[in-house]
Amino acid sequence: MNFLGCLLFLLLIASFSTFSNALTDSEVAYIAHRQLLTFEESGKDQSNNNVDPNLKFENSRIKNAYTALQAWKKGIYSDPFNVTATWVGPDVCKYTGIYCAPTLDDPKLNVVAGIDLNHQDIAGYLPQELGLLTDLALFHLNSNRFCGIIPMSFCNMSIMFEFDVSNNRLVGPFPRALLCWKEIKFVDIRFNNFEGCVPPEIFGRPLDALFLNNNRFSCSIPPSLGNSTVSVVTMAYNNFSGCIPHTIGMMPNIEEIMLAGNSLGGCFPSEIGNLRNVTVLDVSGSGFVGSIPPSFAGLKSVEMLDISCNRMTGSVPEEICKLPALKNFTFASNFFNGAAPACKSSKDVVIDDGNNCLAGRPLQKPPKDCDPKVVKPVDCSKDVCSAGGGRAPPKTEDSPPVHSPPPPVHSPPPPAPVHSPPPPVQSPPPPAPVHSPPPPVQSPPPPAPVHSPPPPVHSPPPPAPVHSPPPPVHSPPPPAPVYSPPPPVHSPPPPPVQSPPPPVHSPPPPVVQKPPPKPEQPDVVLPPNLGYQYSSPPPPLFPGY
């Protein structure tokens, strides 16, 4: 991306904040306040003792589901498609967007196993009574207008498998309830307003895909990142600072990683060269300095490499431009003063070298901007981020975080949903996207494109992921395209759960351009067109970028 492209990109990002949501700030504040007023003190019984005694329920869990859904209905302030008009009476399994299935421990016991309300443009909050849905395995809510926080009562959803709330207006710190889920495979919370630090524990969960992009997260990236089993992780367009952890080279399954648009800095750690299975690496616009590490020659599978819009210097080595799988290499808007012949033109690789200091190349910086006194090259052998020495990464407080546009309302999600099927169910589980989201609005996404969830800058939001393959999730990713779709997630199916996930008809968020491997024969027959589908890529994380 050249200098003009970077500038237009930032302007586009800023413009999205003015029209990305229909709710005004005062409406958001009102709804969030109403949510807090309904919260009971921790430890109190959430059950509703005011249920009409004349109503007959199939079992106690269905009665609890009735209590939860009626409380949720009261917390909805706008329902333009009249989705909740059917939420009447004791037969909750007939409610629109609610999916039931028999539990694995008792085939005669029917429970609510999944919720899919993707792309319904509903405004409201999440009541704590939703914690009564203890058999819920799939929760798809991308591309709506939900406000407030995610209640801690969600911790009771102990068999949660796919969770997509991308492209809403949720706030607060990273939702701690997510850390309670031991079998979670897909998390897409992109295109919201979460803030603070990301807890290290999230990288210890058995995830296939994690979409965190386009929030307000800060702090440094935890070293526990190296323990993560994800094949796709997007942390772009937040305000992460510090170094890329050296443990990044230990990630066993990673295929796509997006760190663009943060306040990181310093030199690249040499351990990045250990990511031999990575197909997409986007570290653009994050304040990196120094030269390209020789270890980058180890990225044998990379197809899209973007290091543009940083402050890198030196020469671009031939080994990088001749990587065997490379299709697109962008190193524009840096301060490189040399490049191997293979890096200047190639019939097999699309190369963008504009706005550098390359003699004889078009569209370069003026000579005064390339003066060494102005550029101040960094010696990475003395840089703490490259493990070379004692210099801390440059502070970037003066560089505001890039606020990328929220995901398209056709979410894929999230930010392509993940490539692993939901837990076995004895009845069709709801859709879970992985090779197909980030979040935009016909249910997953959204998005996060990308050459590439959730889970949509030219990005997709919200942009899709047991012993059985999940059905396709049509959850759109948010509109922030990332230069390449997230890769398929190849993770083993989760262990059987006590209750099966319901069928969901929503598209997956994360963007993935290659289909995942055929999952093993499931213990349970899943309905077609529900759950994660990895054959279709999720919407681009940053469309058009």
Protein backbone atom coordinates (compact mmCIF):
# COMPACT_ATOMS: atom_id res chain seq x y z
CA MET A 1 0.00 0.00 0.00
CA ASN A 2 1.55 3.35 -0.99
CA PHE A 3 1.51 6.51 1.12
CA LEU A 4 -1.67 7.84 -0.46
CA GLY A 5 -3.31 4.47 0.07
CA CYS A 6 -2.36 4.50 3.76
CA LEU A 7 -3.75 8.02 4.15
CA LEU A 8 -7.05 7.21 2.44
CA PHE A 9 -7.28 4.04 4.50
CA LEU A 10 -6.99 5.98 7.78
CA LEU A 11 -9.54 8.55 6.62
CA LEU A 12 -11.97 5.78 5.71
CA ILE A 13 -11.53 4.22 9.12
CA ALA A 14 -12.27 7.52 10.84
CA SER A 15 -15.35 8.09 8.73
CA PHE A 16 -16.95 4.83 9.80
CA SER A 17 -17.35 6.02 13.35
CA THR A 18 -19.95 8.53 12.20
CA PHE A 19 -22.41 6.14 10.65
CA SER A 20 -21.55 2.58 11.63
CA ASN A 21 -24.42 2.16 14.13
CA ALA A 22 -27.99 3.34 14.19
CA LEU A 23 -28.00 3.90 17.96
CA THR A 24 -26.92 7.25 19.33
CA ASP A 25 -24.49 7.41 22.24
CA SER A 26 -27.30 8.45 24.57
CA GLU A 27 -29.39 5.44 23.51
CA VAL A 28 -26.44 3.14 24.11
CA ALA A 29 -25.92 4.64 27.56
CA TYR A 30 -29.61 4.25 28.39
CA ILE A 31 -29.74 0.58 27.38
CA ALA A 32 -26.52 -0.20 29.26
CA HIS A 33 -27.93 1.55 32.35
CA ARG A 34 -31.12 -0.50 32.15
CA GLN A 35 -29.02 -3.65 32.02
CA LEU A 36 -27.14 -2.71 35.19
CA LEU A 37 -30.40 -1.95 36.99
CA THR A 38 -31.64 -5.48 36.28
CA PHE A 39 -28.51 -7.20 37.57
CA GLU A 40 -28.96 -8.96 40.87
CA GLU A 41 -26.25 -9.38 43.42
CA SER A 42 -23.89 -12.26 42.81
CA GLY A 43 -25.13 -15.53 44.20
CA LYS A 44 -28.85 -14.81 44.07
CA ASP A 45 -31.18 -17.21 42.34
CA GLN A 46 -31.81 -16.13 38.76
CA SER A 47 -34.96 -18.21 38.35
CA ASN A 48 -38.25 -16.41 37.94
CA ASN A 49 -40.77 -17.37 40.59
CA ASN A 50 -43.44 -15.39 38.77
CA VAL A 51 -43.91 -17.87 35.94
CA ASP A 52 -47.59 -18.48 35.31
CA PRO A 53 -48.42 -21.71 37.24
CA ASN A 54 -50.92 -22.64 34.52
CA LEU A 55 -48.13 -23.02 31.94
CA LYS A 56 -47.04 -26.61 31.35
CA PHE A 57 -43.38 -27.23 30.46
CA GLU A 58 -41.74 -30.29 28.95
CA ASN A 59 -39.09 -30.35 31.70
CA SER A 60 -37.40 -28.07 34.21
CA ARG A 61 -34.66 -27.01 31.78
CA ILE A 62 -37.24 -25.85 29.26
CA LYS A 63 -38.89 -23.90 32.06
CA ASN A 64 -35.55 -22.24 32.85
CA ALA A 65 -35.14 -21.44 29.16
CA TYR A 66 -38.58 -19.82 29.17
CA THR A 67 -37.56 -17.66 32.13
CA ALA A 68 -34.31 -16.64 30.41
CA LEU A 69 -35.87 -15.82 27.06
CA GLN A 70 -38.75 -13.85 28.54
CA ALA A 71 -36.26 -11.78 30.55
CA TRP A 72 -34.27 -11.22 27.35
CA LYS A 73 -37.39 -10.18 25.47
CA LYS A 74 -38.03 -7.49 28.09
CA GLY A 75 -34.49 -6.24 27.52
CA ILE A 76 -35.02 -5.70 23.78
CA TYR A 77 -35.84 -2.13 22.77
CA SER A 78 -35.87 -2.43 18.99
CA ASP A 79 -36.77 -5.47 16.91
CA PRO A 80 -37.27 -4.21 13.33
CA PHE A 81 -37.86 -7.68 11.89
CA ASN A 82 -40.24 -8.65 14.70
CA VAL A 83 -38.16 -11.74 15.48
CA THR A 84 -39.31 -12.00 19.08
CA ALA A 85 -43.01 -11.85 18.19
CA THR A 86 -43.00 -15.66 18.30
CA TRP A 87 -41.46 -15.73 21.78
CA VAL A 88 -44.78 -16.50 23.44
CA GLY A 89 -45.88 -19.53 25.44
CA PRO A 90 -44.09 -22.47 27.07
CA ASP A 91 -42.88 -24.18 23.86
CA VAL A 92 -39.58 -22.29 23.57
CA CYS A 93 -38.34 -24.69 20.90
CA LYS A 94 -40.72 -23.00 18.47
CA TYR A 95 -39.34 -19.52 19.13
CA THR A 96 -37.63 -17.94 16.13
CA GLY A 97 -33.86 -18.27 16.42
CA ILE A 98 -34.01 -20.84 19.23
CA TYR A 99 -32.88 -24.41 18.58
CA CYS A 100 -33.50 -27.43 20.75
CA ALA A 101 -31.94 -30.88 20.84
CA PRO A 102 -31.91 -33.89 23.17
CA THR A 103 -29.14 -34.09 25.72
CA LEU A 104 -26.51 -36.76 25.31
CA ASP A 105 -27.00 -38.03 28.84
CA ASP A 106 -30.75 -38.44 28.33
CA PRO A 107 -32.04 -38.73 24.72
CA LYS A 108 -35.58 -38.18 26.01
CA LEU A 109 -34.74 -34.81 27.52
CA ASN A 110 -35.09 -31.86 25.13
CA VAL A 111 -33.14 -28.67 25.88
CA VAL A 112 -32.24 -25.34 24.26
CA ALA A 113 -28.87 -26.04 22.64
CA GLY A 114 -28.37 -23.07 20.32
CA ILE A 115 -29.37 -19.48 19.59
CA ASP A 116 -28.90 -17.82 16.20
CA LEU A 117 -30.01 -14.21 15.86
CA ASN A 118 -27.36 -13.04 13.42
CA HIS A 119 -28.09 -9.95 11.34
CA GLN A 120 -31.44 -9.14 12.92
CA ASP A 121 -30.57 -5.51 13.81
CA ILE A 122 -31.97 -6.01 17.32
CA ALA A 123 -31.16 -3.40 19.98
CA GLY A 124 -31.12 -4.31 23.63
CA TYR A 125 -28.96 -5.85 26.35
CA LEU A 126 -28.07 -9.32 27.62
CA PRO A 127 -29.84 -10.08 30.94
CA GLN A 128 -28.14 -12.20 33.56
CA GLU A 129 -31.03 -14.70 33.32
CA LEU A 130 -29.44 -16.01 30.11
CA GLY A 131 -27.13 -17.89 32.46
CA LEU A 132 -30.04 -20.29 33.01
CA LEU A 133 -29.36 -21.70 29.52
CA THR A 134 -26.83 -24.18 30.86
CA ASP A 135 -27.12 -26.51 27.84
CA LEU A 136 -26.29 -23.82 25.28
CA ALA A 137 -23.46 -24.82 22.92
CA LEU A 138 -23.88 -22.22 20.19
CA PHE A 139 -24.55 -18.49 20.58
CA HIS A 140 -24.66 -16.40 17.38
CA LEU A 141 -25.53 -12.74 17.79
CA ASN A 142 -23.40 -10.92 15.26
CA SER A 143 -24.45 -7.76 13.43
CA ASN A 144 -27.05 -6.47 15.85
CA ARG A 145 -27.15 -3.47 18.21
CA PHE A 146 -26.72 -5.06 21.62
CA CYS A 147 -25.17 -2.81 24.25
CA GLY A 148 -23.79 -3.15 27.74
CA ILE A 149 -21.62 -5.98 29.04
CA ILE A 150 -21.58 -9.77 28.80
CA PRO A 151 -22.92 -10.98 32.18
CA MET A 152 -20.73 -13.21 34.33
CA SER A 153 -23.70 -15.61 34.50
CA PHE A 154 -22.66 -16.78 31.00
CA CYS A 155 -20.05 -18.78 32.88
CA ASN A 156 -22.84 -21.30 33.55
CA MET A 157 -22.93 -22.20 29.84
CA SER A 158 -20.32 -24.85 30.51
CA ILE A 159 -20.48 -26.61 27.12
CA MET A 160 -20.29 -23.50 24.95
CA PHE A 161 -18.64 -24.37 21.64
CA GLU A 162 -19.15 -21.38 19.30
CA PHE A 163 -19.57 -17.83 20.55
CA ASP A 164 -20.08 -14.92 18.14
CA VAL A 165 -21.19 -11.48 19.32
CA SER A 166 -19.25 -9.53 16.72
CA ASN A 167 -20.42 -6.23 15.26
CA ASN A 168 -22.47 -4.97 18.20
CA ARG A 169 -21.85 -2.20 20.74
CA LEU A 170 -20.75 -4.26 23.71
CA VAL A 171 -18.35 -2.70 26.20
CA GLY A 172 -16.25 -3.40 29.25
CA PRO A 173 -13.10 -5.43 29.79
CA PHE A 174 -12.49 -8.74 28.06
CA PRO A 175 -15.55 -10.85 29.07
CA ARG A 176 -14.22 -13.12 31.83
CA ALA A 177 -17.13 -15.54 31.41
CA LEU A 178 -15.40 -16.84 28.27
CA LEU A 179 -12.60 -18.22 30.42
CA CYS A 180 -15.06 -20.63 32.09
CA TRP A 181 -15.65 -22.55 28.88
CA LYS A 182 -13.39 -25.60 28.65
CA GLU A 183 -14.53 -26.82 25.22
CA ILE A 184 -14.83 -23.52 23.37
CA LYS A 185 -13.52 -23.69 19.79
CA PHE A 186 -14.60 -20.43 18.19
CA VAL A 187 -14.68 -16.93 19.69
CA ASP A 188 -15.55 -13.83 17.66
CA ILE A 189 -15.96 -10.58 19.59
CA ARG A 190 -14.58 -8.19 16.98
CA PHE A 191 -16.12 -4.83 16.10
CA ASN A 192 -17.26 -3.94 19.59
CA ASN A 193 -15.85 -1.61 22.24
CA PHE A 194 -14.13 -4.01 24.60
CA GLU A 195 -11.07 -2.53 26.26
CA GLY A 196 -8.21 -3.19 28.66
CA CYS A 197 -5.87 -6.17 28.62
CA VAL A 198 -6.50 -9.54 27.02
CA PRO A 199 -6.18 -12.20 29.77
CA PRO A 200 -3.34 -14.69 29.17
CA GLU A 201 -5.69 -17.56 30.01
CA ILE A 202 -7.64 -17.20 26.75
CA PHE A 203 -4.67 -18.59 24.84
CA GLY A 204 -4.86 -21.74 26.95
CA ARG A 205 -8.33 -22.65 25.69
CA PRO A 206 -8.65 -25.24 22.88
CA LEU A 207 -9.60 -22.62 20.29
CA ASP A 208 -9.48 -22.99 16.52
CA ALA A 209 -10.12 -19.31 15.81
CA LEU A 210 -9.97 -16.13 17.87
CA PHE A 211 -11.17 -12.80 16.46
CA LEU A 212 -10.40 -9.78 18.65
CA ASN A 213 -9.86 -7.12 15.99
CA ASN A 214 -11.46 -3.66 15.94
CA ASN A 215 -11.93 -3.18 19.65
CA ARG A 216 -10.03 -1.02 22.15
CA PHE A 217 -7.75 -3.59 23.73
CA SER A 218 -4.45 -2.31 25.03
CA CYS A 219 -1.50 -3.59 27.10
CA SER A 220 1.04 -5.94 25.60
CA ILE A 221 0.28 -9.22 23.83
CA PRO A 222 0.64 -11.97 26.47
CA PRO A 223 3.56 -14.42 26.01
CA SER A 224 0.98 -17.20 26.46
CA LEU A 225 0.13 -16.54 22.80
CA GLY A 226 2.70 -19.22 22.02
CA ASN A 227 0.56 -21.84 23.78
CA SER A 228 -2.49 -21.19 21.64
CA THR A 229 -3.90 -23.91 19.40
CA VAL A 230 -5.60 -21.43 17.06
CA SER A 231 -5.07 -21.62 13.33
CA VAL A 232 -6.38 -18.07 12.86
CA VAL A 233 -5.95 -15.11 15.21
CA THR A 234 -6.80 -11.49 14.41
CA MET A 235 -5.76 -8.80 16.88
CA ALA A 236 -5.67 -5.99 14.34
CA TYR A 237 -6.88 -2.42 14.92
CA ASN A 238 -6.66 -2.27 18.67
CA ASN A 239 -4.07 -0.45 20.76
CA PHE A 240 -1.72 -3.26 21.77
CA SER A 241 1.72 -1.98 22.68
CA GLY A 242 5.18 -3.38 23.36
CA CYS A 243 6.90 -6.18 21.49
CA ILE A 244 5.58 -9.18 19.60
CA PRO A 245 6.25 -11.96 22.15
CA HIS A 246 9.12 -14.29 21.26
CA THR A 247 6.80 -17.22 21.95
CA ILE A 248 5.00 -16.49 18.68
CA GLY A 249 7.29 -18.99 16.99
CA MET A 250 5.92 -21.79 19.19
CA MET A 251 2.32 -21.65 17.95
CA PRO A 252 1.72 -25.18 16.65
CA ASN A 253 -1.25 -24.68 14.32
CA ILE A 254 -1.17 -21.05 13.30
CA GLU A 255 -1.85 -20.34 9.63
CA GLU A 256 -3.05 -16.73 9.64
CA ILE A 257 -2.10 -13.95 12.01
CA MET A 258 -3.14 -10.29 11.75
CA LEU A 259 -1.56 -7.66 14.01
CA ALA A 260 -2.05 -4.60 11.79
CA GLY A 261 -3.00 -1.17 13.10
CA ASN A 262 -1.71 -1.40 16.67
CA SER A 263 0.82 0.58 18.73
CA LEU A 264 3.45 -2.13 18.83
CA GLY A 265 7.07 -1.31 18.11
CA GLY A 266 10.68 -2.38 18.11
CA CYS A 267 12.22 -4.91 15.77
CA PHE A 268 10.60 -8.16 14.71
CA PRO A 269 11.58 -11.17 16.82
CA SER A 270 13.56 -13.69 14.82
CA GLU A 271 11.16 -16.41 16.03
CA ILE A 272 8.63 -15.29 13.42
CA GLY A 273 10.69 -17.28 10.96
CA ASN A 274 9.60 -20.47 12.74
CA LEU A 275 6.03 -20.03 11.49
CA ARG A 276 6.50 -22.39 8.57
CA ASN A 277 2.78 -23.05 8.11
CA VAL A 278 1.63 -19.42 8.11
CA THR A 279 -0.04 -18.38 4.86
CA VAL A 280 -1.07 -14.85 5.89
CA LEU A 281 1.05 -12.47 7.98
CA ASP A 282 -0.10 -8.85 8.30
CA VAL A 283 1.93 -6.62 10.61
CA SER A 284 1.33 -3.35 8.78
CA GLY A 285 0.88 0.03 10.43
CA SER A 286 2.13 -0.98 13.87
CA GLY A 287 5.31 1.06 14.38
CA PHE A 288 7.95 -1.59 13.68
CA VAL A 289 11.52 -0.48 13.05
CA GLY A 290 14.83 -1.99 11.97
CA SER A 291 15.51 -4.30 9.07
CA ILE A 292 13.77 -7.47 7.88
CA PRO A 293 15.18 -10.37 9.94
CA PRO A 294 16.99 -13.06 7.89
CA SER A 295 14.76 -15.60 9.65
CA PHE A 296 11.81 -14.40 7.51
CA ALA A 297 13.24 -16.72 4.85
CA GLY A 298 11.72 -19.53 6.93
CA LEU A 299 8.17 -18.47 6.05
CA LYS A 300 7.94 -21.20 3.43
CA SER A 301 4.13 -21.24 3.23
CA VAL A 302 3.39 -17.53 3.35
CA GLU A 303 1.22 -16.31 0.48
CA MET A 304 0.42 -12.79 1.68
CA LEU A 305 3.04 -10.79 3.57
CA ASP A 306 2.33 -7.17 4.54
CA ILE A 307 4.88 -5.10 6.47
CA SER A 308 3.79 -1.74 5.02
CA CYS A 309 3.27 1.56 6.88
CA ASN A 310 6.02 1.01 9.45
CA ARG A 311 9.46 2.67 9.89
CA MET A 312 11.63 -0.13 8.62
CA THR A 313 15.03 0.52 7.02
CA GLY A 314 17.82 -1.26 5.19
CA SER A 315 17.44 -3.47 2.13
CA VAL A 316 14.78 -6.00 1.19
CA PRO A 317 16.58 -9.35 0.75
CA GLU A 318 16.11 -11.56 -2.28
CA GLU A 319 15.28 -14.59 -0.12
CA ILE A 320 12.04 -12.96 1.00
CA CYS A 321 10.88 -12.07 -2.49
CA LYS A 322 11.59 -15.62 -3.67
CA LEU A 323 9.67 -17.45 -0.97
CA PRO A 324 8.10 -20.47 -2.72
CA ALA A 325 4.42 -19.74 -1.92
CA LEU A 326 4.53 -15.94 -1.97
CA LYS A 327 1.81 -14.25 -4.05
CA ASN A 328 1.53 -10.77 -2.57
CA PHE A 329 4.30 -8.82 -0.82
CA THR A 330 3.64 -5.28 0.40
CA PHE A 331 6.46 -3.29 1.96
CA ALA A 332 5.32 0.19 0.91
CA SER A 333 5.51 3.27 3.14
CA ASN A 334 8.71 2.39 4.99
CA PHE A 335 12.27 3.72 4.60
CA PHE A 336 13.94 0.89 2.67
CA ASN A 337 16.84 2.18 0.58
CA GLY A 338 17.58 -1.00 -1.30
CA ALA A 339 15.88 -4.08 -2.71
CA ALA A 340 17.09 -7.16 -4.55
CA PRO A 341 16.17 -7.36 -8.26
CA ALA A 342 13.58 -10.05 -7.49
CA CYS A 343 11.87 -7.58 -5.16
CA LYS A 344 11.38 -4.95 -7.85
CA SER A 345 9.38 -6.93 -10.34
CA SER A 346 8.08 -10.46 -10.59
CA LYS A 347 5.55 -12.14 -12.82
CA ASP A 348 4.56 -14.50 -10.00
CA VAL A 349 4.34 -12.06 -7.09
CA VAL A 350 2.38 -8.83 -6.73
CA ILE A 351 4.81 -6.36 -5.13
CA ASP A 352 4.06 -2.91 -3.71
CA ASP A 353 7.24 -0.96 -2.89
CA GLY A 354 5.93 2.63 -3.12
CA ASN A 355 6.74 5.46 -0.72
CA ASN A 356 10.18 4.14 0.28
CA CYS A 357 13.68 5.47 -0.46
CA LEU A 358 14.46 3.19 -3.42
CA ALA A 359 16.57 4.88 -6.07
CA GLY A 360 15.21 4.55 -9.58
CA ARG A 361 11.79 3.29 -8.45
CA PRO A 362 8.59 5.32 -9.02
CA LEU A 363 6.47 6.91 -6.32
CA GLN A 364 9.19 7.11 -3.67
CA LYS A 365 9.72 9.55 -0.78
CA PRO A 366 11.48 12.86 -1.46
CA PRO A 367 15.25 12.73 -0.76
CA LYS A 368 14.99 14.97 2.32
CA ASP A 369 12.73 12.39 4.00
CA CYS A 370 15.30 9.67 3.38
CA ASP A 371 18.23 11.48 5.03
CA PRO A 372 19.76 9.15 7.68
CA LYS A 373 19.53 12.00 10.20
CA VAL A 374 15.79 11.96 9.70
CA VAL A 375 15.30 8.23 9.36
CA LYS A 376 17.54 7.24 12.29
CA PRO A 377 18.04 3.54 11.44
CA VAL A 378 17.77 1.11 14.37
CA ASP A 379 20.32 -1.59 15.14
CA CYS A 380 18.17 -4.63 15.90
CA SER A 381 21.10 -6.44 17.52
CA LYS A 382 20.62 -4.03 20.42
CA ASP A 383 16.83 -4.09 20.44
CA VAL A 384 14.96 -5.89 23.22
CA CYS A 385 12.09 -6.88 20.93
CA SER A 386 14.42 -8.84 18.69
CA ALA A 387 16.08 -10.41 21.76
CA GLY A 388 19.24 -8.62 20.83
CA GLY A 389 19.74 -6.18 23.64
CA GLY A 390 18.48 -3.62 26.03
CA ARG A 391 16.63 -0.97 24.06
CA ALA A 392 12.94 -0.92 24.82
CA PRO A 393 10.55 -0.56 21.90
CA PRO A 394 9.77 3.02 20.94
CA LYS A 395 6.78 4.52 22.65
CA THR A 396 3.95 5.29 20.35
CA GLU A 397 1.53 7.18 22.54
CA ASP A 398 1.57 9.96 19.98
CA SER A 399 0.29 7.59 17.35
CA PRO A 400 -3.40 7.08 17.91
CA PRO A 401 -4.69 3.57 17.42
CA VAL A 402 -6.30 2.96 14.08
CA HIS A 403 -10.04 2.72 14.47
CA SER A 404 -11.19 0.61 11.64
CA PRO A 405 -14.76 0.52 10.42
CA PRO A 406 -17.20 -1.85 11.95
CA PRO A 407 -17.95 -5.01 10.06
CA PRO A 408 -20.44 -5.07 7.26
CA VAL A 409 -23.94 -5.87 8.25
CA HIS A 410 -23.67 -9.03 6.31
CA SER A 411 -21.53 -10.83 8.72
CA PRO A 412 -19.97 -14.08 7.76
CA PRO A 413 -18.55 -14.16 11.46
CA PRO A 414 -15.29 -13.48 14.01
CA PRO A 415 -14.28 -12.72 11.83
CA ALA A 416 -14.63 -15.97 9.93
CA PRO A 417 -16.01 -18.51 12.23
CA VAL A 418 -13.71 -21.29 12.92
CA HIS A 419 -12.65 -24.37 11.26
CA SER A 420 -13.61 -26.90 13.74
CA PRO A 421 -17.00 -28.53 14.06
CA PRO A 422 -19.12 -28.13 17.16
CA PRO A 423 -19.43 -30.90 19.70
CA PRO A 424 -21.44 -33.98 18.77
CA VAL A 425 -25.11 -33.58 19.13
CA GLN A 426 -27.95 -35.98 18.91
CA SER A 427 -29.82 -33.40 17.04
CA PRO A 428 -28.71 -30.76 14.57
CA PRO A 429 -26.52 -28.10 16.12
CA PRO A 430 -26.71 -24.47 15.22
CA PRO A 431 -24.37 -23.03 12.64
CA ALA A 432 -20.87 -22.32 13.56
CA PRO A 433 -18.72 -20.51 11.02
CA VAL A 434 -15.05 -20.95 10.61
CA HIS A 435 -13.81 -21.37 7.22
CA SER A 436 -16.29 -18.97 6.10
CA PRO A 437 -16.27 -15.67 8.87
CA PRO A 438 -15.93 -12.39 10.20
CA PRO A 439 -19.20 -10.74 10.82
CA PRO A 440 -21.43 -8.78 8.24
CA VAL A 441 -25.41 -9.32 8.58
CA GLN A 442 -26.97 -12.43 7.27
CA SER A 443 -25.66 -14.58 10.03
CA PRO A 444 -22.39 -16.27 10.01
CA PRO A 445 -18.72 -13.71 9.91
CA PRO A 446 -18.42 -10.97 10.85
CA PRO A 447 -15.21 -10.00 9.98
CA ALA A 448 -12.70 -10.57 9.69
CA PRO A 449 -11.67 -10.36 5.03
CA VAL A 450 -8.55 -10.68 4.82
CA HIS A 451 -6.85 -12.34 1.93
CA SER A 452 -8.97 -13.61 4.41
CA PRO A 453 -13.79 -14.19 10.79
CA PRO A 454 -17.26 -13.41 14.37
CA PRO A 455 -16.90 -12.74 13.56
CA PRO A 456 -15.77 -7.22 8.99
CA VAL A 457 -10.99 -0.61 7.07
CA HIS A 458 -11.56 -2.63 4.19
CA SER A 459 -12.28 -5.37 6.51
CA PRO A 460 -15.03 -7.77 7.04
CA PRO A 461 -16.46 -7.89 10.24
CA PRO A 462 -17.84 -9.81 11.49
CA PRO A 463 -15.85 -12.21 9.19
CA ALA A 464 -16.81 -19.40 10.04
CA PRO A 465 -15.65 -23.36 12.63
CA VAL A 466 -16.09 -32.47 16.72
CA HIS A 467 -16.59 -35.76 16.12
CA SER A 468 -18.87 -34.38 13.40
CA PRO A 469 -18.64 -31.46 10.98
CA PRO A 470 -20.82 -28.53 11.86
CA PRO A 471 -23.27 -27.15 9.38
CA PRO A 472 -22.40 -24.04 7.40
CA VAL A 473 -22.69 -20.87 9.34
CA HIS A 474 -23.73 -17.82 7.47
CA SER A 475 -22.54 -15.23 9.81
CA PRO A 476 -21.04 -12.20 8.05
CA PRO A 477 -17.72 -10.77 9.03
CA PRO A 478 -17.23 -7.15 9.80
CA PRO A 479 -16.20 -4.73 7.12
CA ALA A 480 -12.55 -4.53 7.74
CA PRO A 481 -10.90 -6.67 5.12
CA VAL A 482 -7.70 -8.25 6.01
CA TYR A 483 -5.47 -9.01 3.17
CA SER A 484 -6.21 -12.61 3.16
CA PRO A 485 -8.86 -14.91 4.53
CA PRO A 486 -8.15 -16.92 7.62
CA PRO A 487 -6.97 -20.41 6.91
CA PRO A 488 -9.09 -23.39 7.60
CA VAL A 489 -8.85 -24.55 11.13
CA HIS A 490 -7.71 -28.11 11.44
CA SER A 491 -8.43 -28.97 14.96
CA PRO A 492 -9.66 -32.22 16.42
CA PRO A 493 -13.31 -32.44 17.23
CA PRO A 494 -14.21 -31.57 20.77
CA PRO A 495 -15.25 -34.23 23.21
CA PRO A 496 -18.94 -35.04 23.42
CA VAL A 497 -20.92 -32.59 25.44
CA GLN A 498 -23.75 -33.12 27.79
CA SER A 499 -26.10 -31.42 25.45
CA PRO A 500 -25.89 -31.04 21.68
CA PRO A 501 -25.72 -27.72 19.91
CA PRO A 502 -28.81 -26.73 17.95
CA PRO A 503 -28.90 -26.12 14.23
CA VAL A 504 -28.17 -22.57 13.24
CA HIS A 505 -28.65 -20.90 9.93
CA SER A 506 -26.10 -18.20 10.03
CA PRO A 507 -23.05 -17.61 7.89
CA PRO A 508 -19.64 -17.88 9.55
CA PRO A 509 -17.58 -14.80 10.14
CA PRO A 510 -13.87 -15.44 9.60
CA VAL A 511 -12.53 -15.31 6.12
CA VAL A 512 -10.82 -18.39 4.89
CA GLN A 513 -9.94 -19.15 1.35
CA LYS A 514 -9.28 -22.77 1.53
CA PRO A 515 -11.64 -25.47 2.68
CA PRO A 516 -10.82 -27.35 5.86
CA PRO A 517 -10.16 -31.03 5.81
CA LYS A 518 -13.07 -33.38 5.88
CA PRO A 519 -14.02 -33.95 9.55
CA GLU A 520 -14.38 -37.43 10.99
CA GLN A 521 -17.72 -39.16 10.95
CA PRO A 522 -19.71 -37.53 13.76
CA ASP A 523 -21.39 -39.38 16.57
CA VAL A 524 -24.50 -37.42 15.83
CA VAL A 525 -26.21 -36.68 12.57
CA LEU A 526 -26.12 -32.95 12.04
CA PRO A 527 -28.69 -31.18 9.90
CA PRO A 528 -27.46 -29.72 6.63
CA ASN A 529 -26.69 -26.02 6.30
CA LEU A 530 -26.11 -25.52 10.02
CA GLY A 531 -23.01 -24.90 12.07
CA TYR A 532 -19.50 -24.17 10.89
CA GLN A 533 -18.70 -24.56 7.27
CA TYR A 534 -15.14 -24.21 6.18
CA SER A 535 -15.53 -24.49 2.46
CA SER A 536 -16.53 -20.87 1.93
CA PRO A 537 -14.27 -18.00 2.99
CA PRO A 538 -15.51 -15.46 5.52
CA PRO A 539 -15.86 -11.83 4.53
CA PRO A 540 -12.64 -9.89 4.21
CA LEU A 541 -11.41 -8.35 7.43
CA PHE A 542 -10.70 -5.11 5.63
CA PRO A 543 -12.64 -5.07 2.38
CA GLY A 544 -11.00 -3.37 -0.49
CA TYR A 545 -7.87 -2.74 1.50
